Amino acid sequence: MVGNRFSVEFYRDAKRLHDIPYISRYNHWEETVEMERFIQAAADEDLHSYLTGIFYDSKACLCVIETVEQLTPDSLEVQRLHQLASAHISQFDLLGAIGHRN
């Protein structure tokens, strides 16, 4: 539960879209737009319930996409989330796999 308490505190003041918290380290508007477009695309395909939070580490130029624990890297949901992230986010980490915008 320590991890869950950290996550709740970390995202306490984060913006939310479809109840998914998202935050950019340095509040860069480009990163915010990328995250919002990704969340909306996931919601359009009813995949947003698999997302627990999104953090764009501006310093590392990497967007970390956090998911529910029961997802596995080879699941159809993760494959589709990866495709959506590739369409909207410059560089991201989804379940340990690094991806880039197409």
Protein backbone atom coordinates (compact mmCIF):
# COMPACT_ATOMS: atom_id res chain seq x y z
CA MET A 1 0.00 0.00 0.00
CA VAL A 2 2.94 2.37 0.36
CA GLY A 3 3.12 2.64 -3.44
CA ASN A 4 -0.58 3.45 -3.64
CA ARG A 5 -0.29 6.17 -0.98
CA PHE A 6 2.66 7.66 -2.87
CA SER A 7 0.67 7.63 -6.10
CA VAL A 8 -2.32 9.32 -4.44
CA GLU A 9 -0.09 12.03 -2.98
CA PHE A 10 1.90 12.44 -6.21
CA TYR A 11 -1.22 13.03 -8.29
CA ARG A 12 -3.09 15.03 -5.61
CA ASP A 13 -2.95 18.35 -7.52
CA ALA A 14 -2.82 16.84 -11.01
CA LYS A 15 -5.26 17.69 -13.74
CA ARG A 16 -7.75 14.95 -14.59
CA LEU A 17 -9.39 13.87 -17.80
CA HIS A 18 -11.87 10.96 -17.72
CA ASP A 19 -10.78 10.67 -14.07
CA ILE A 20 -7.18 9.87 -15.12
CA PRO A 21 -4.65 12.09 -13.31
CA TYR A 22 -1.89 13.52 -15.47
CA ILE A 23 0.95 15.90 -14.76
CA SER A 24 4.00 17.36 -16.47
CA ARG A 25 7.12 17.92 -14.36
CA TYR A 26 7.67 21.45 -15.70
CA ASN A 27 4.09 22.01 -16.89
CA HIS A 28 5.06 22.25 -20.56
CA TRP A 29 1.91 22.86 -22.59
CA GLU A 30 3.06 20.57 -25.43
CA GLU A 31 3.38 17.65 -23.02
CA THR A 32 -0.02 18.42 -21.50
CA VAL A 33 -1.63 18.42 -24.95
CA GLU A 34 0.02 15.08 -25.81
CA MET A 35 -1.26 13.49 -22.59
CA GLU A 36 -4.77 14.90 -23.06
CA ARG A 37 -4.96 13.65 -26.65
CA PHE A 38 -3.77 10.20 -25.56
CA ILE A 39 -6.26 9.99 -22.69
CA GLN A 40 -9.10 11.11 -24.97
CA ALA A 41 -8.12 8.54 -27.61
CA ALA A 42 -8.04 5.83 -24.93
CA ALA A 43 -11.46 6.93 -23.68
CA ASP A 44 -12.84 6.90 -27.22
CA GLU A 45 -11.89 3.20 -27.39
CA ASP A 46 -13.05 2.50 -23.82
CA LEU A 47 -9.48 1.78 -22.69
CA HIS A 48 -9.12 4.62 -20.17
CA SER A 49 -10.18 2.36 -17.28
CA TYR A 50 -6.82 0.60 -17.64
CA LEU A 51 -4.91 3.83 -16.96
CA THR A 52 -4.08 4.91 -13.40
CA GLY A 53 -1.92 7.97 -14.06
CA ILE A 54 0.35 9.66 -16.55
CA PHE A 55 3.52 11.57 -15.67
CA TYR A 56 5.51 13.44 -18.30
CA ASP A 57 9.05 13.74 -17.00
CA SER A 58 10.06 16.90 -18.85
CA LYS A 59 13.65 16.52 -17.67
CA ALA A 60 13.96 13.05 -19.22
CA CYS A 61 11.67 13.79 -22.21
CA LEU A 62 9.70 10.66 -21.30
CA CYS A 63 6.03 10.17 -20.56
CA VAL A 64 5.40 7.38 -18.05
CA ILE A 65 2.02 5.72 -18.54
CA GLU A 66 0.84 3.88 -15.43
CA THR A 67 -1.71 1.10 -15.75
CA VAL A 68 -3.75 -1.21 -13.54
CA GLU A 69 -1.72 -4.12 -12.20
CA GLN A 70 -3.54 -6.92 -14.01
CA LEU A 71 -2.40 -5.82 -17.48
CA THR A 72 0.40 -7.76 -19.09
CA PRO A 73 2.72 -6.46 -21.82
CA ASP A 74 1.35 -8.94 -24.37
CA SER A 75 -2.35 -8.23 -23.73
CA LEU A 76 -4.52 -6.82 -26.51
CA GLU A 77 -5.33 -3.80 -24.34
CA VAL A 78 -1.66 -2.93 -23.88
CA GLN A 79 -0.99 -3.40 -27.58
CA ARG A 80 -3.79 -0.98 -28.40
CA LEU A 81 -2.67 1.52 -25.71
CA HIS A 82 0.82 1.34 -27.21
CA GLN A 83 -0.60 2.15 -30.65
CA LEU A 84 -2.54 5.09 -29.26
CA ALA A 85 0.49 6.39 -27.36
CA SER A 86 2.56 6.08 -30.55
CA ALA A 87 0.04 8.29 -32.29
CA HIS A 88 0.00 11.01 -29.61
CA ILE A 89 3.08 11.01 -27.36
CA SER A 90 6.63 11.88 -28.45
CA GLN A 91 8.39 9.34 -26.21
CA PHE A 92 6.78 7.11 -23.60
CA ASP A 93 7.22 4.18 -21.23
CA LEU A 94 4.33 1.72 -21.10
CA LEU A 95 4.90 -1.30 -18.84
CA GLY A 96 8.67 -1.00 -19.29
CA ALA A 97 8.55 -0.76 -23.09
CA ILE A 98 9.82 2.52 -24.53
CA GLY A 99 7.96 3.83 -27.54
CA HIS A 100 8.07 6.85 -29.84
CA ARG A 101 5.52 8.77 -31.84
CA ASN A 102 5.11 7.44 -35.36
